[in-house]
Amino acid sequence: MPPFEGRLADGWVWGRGALDMKGGVAMMLAALLRARAEGLELPGDVLLCVTADEEAGSFHGARYLVESHPELFAGVRRAVSEAGFPAYFGGRRIHLVQVAEKQVCWLRATVRGPGGHGAVVVRGGAMARLGRALALLERARLPVHVTPAARLMLEALARAAPLPAGPALRALLRPPLTGPALRLLGRNGSRLEPLLRHTVSATAVRGGGEMLNVVPSEVEIGLDGRLLPGFAPDDLIRELRPLLGPGVELELAFHDPGPTAVDMTGFPLLETILREADPGAAVVPFLLPGVTDARFFARLGIQTYGFLPLPLPADFDFVPTIHGADERVPAEALELGACCLHELLRRFR
């Protein structure tokens, strides 16, 4: 489908951003416009904050607003934002409401070794060491850390999920059993694994040779690290150093700290609204493996809930669809989400 038409076909809205994040913006705007049209009496001001660069560091959006204009958010203590995709266990739909997220922790890894002419055999060069380092990262499983946010989520998920998933989810909270339990959970396990470990992905290679006949003596790898809540960059570097060995130098390139505490006082209302809108489904607090603009608003004491309900079909694998070709969302899912947001405006006190 064409990426920028927003085409409605076969009951789906097709287009880049349908899932992330134009669909969510449309739901928020529809809820506000409906409240305005109905003359809904609200207990206070409702701010709609739409920014365009969350994927690029938020330097001109949320980060700028929080750092340069915090007065705009005086008195605000709760917010709703992105995240709200469901999970399925044993056929039961479970709505995930984000309450916490990991932290960006980008690293530079420098690999050095003997250089020389390409016609001469060079052993232990930077390129060979780079290959070994990348292979080690591919196979690595960093230590398990059960954070309060992960425990909150997994305990709720274990209560909501039918057998046999429930016991496997509880086993995730016991580090010696985490690995086998993740394998038992299959695709759901692969999505839960980043919530229990720091993760590192090699995303860029720089500084190799410019000439095909020169063996470079230095290569740099860009690493996209993601920290669990409550940890610092030194914790990740400490875990990576023995894994990569003494021939690899690690340094911090960029870190965006995230909130460590979770305020659950707004969660019961969101749970009630979702249970009424989607009977039979469960609602679980969610630790997001990525990051959102919520990390900036947390600096102002604002708890953000990822509450954009989308009851996607169980057989729809949305993860590879986001940011990809034929991104799409069911039109009726957008309608339900917009109704839930309107209900939140109506009931919030």
Foldseek 3Di string as FASTA:
>chain_A
DDAPDQDQDPQWGWHACCQPHVLVLVLLVLLVVVCVVVVFDFPDDDDDADDDQFVPVCPVGLLCCLVPPVVVCPPAAAAADAAFEWADAPRFTETEKAQAEWKWWKKKKKFFDDKDWQVDDGPPARVVLVVVLQVLLVPDDFFFDCAPLNVQFLQQVLVQHDPPLNVLSVLCVPRVRVVVSLVVVPPVSVQCSLQTGKHKDFDDKDDADPDPGMGDRMIMTMITIIGHAPDDNVVVVVRCDVSSDPRMDMDTDDIQHADRDGDCPPVVLLQVLVCVLPPRHGYGYDYYHHDGSQRSVVVVNYGYMHQQHFHADNPDDQPVLRSDHGNMGRPVRSVSSSVSSSVCRNPPD
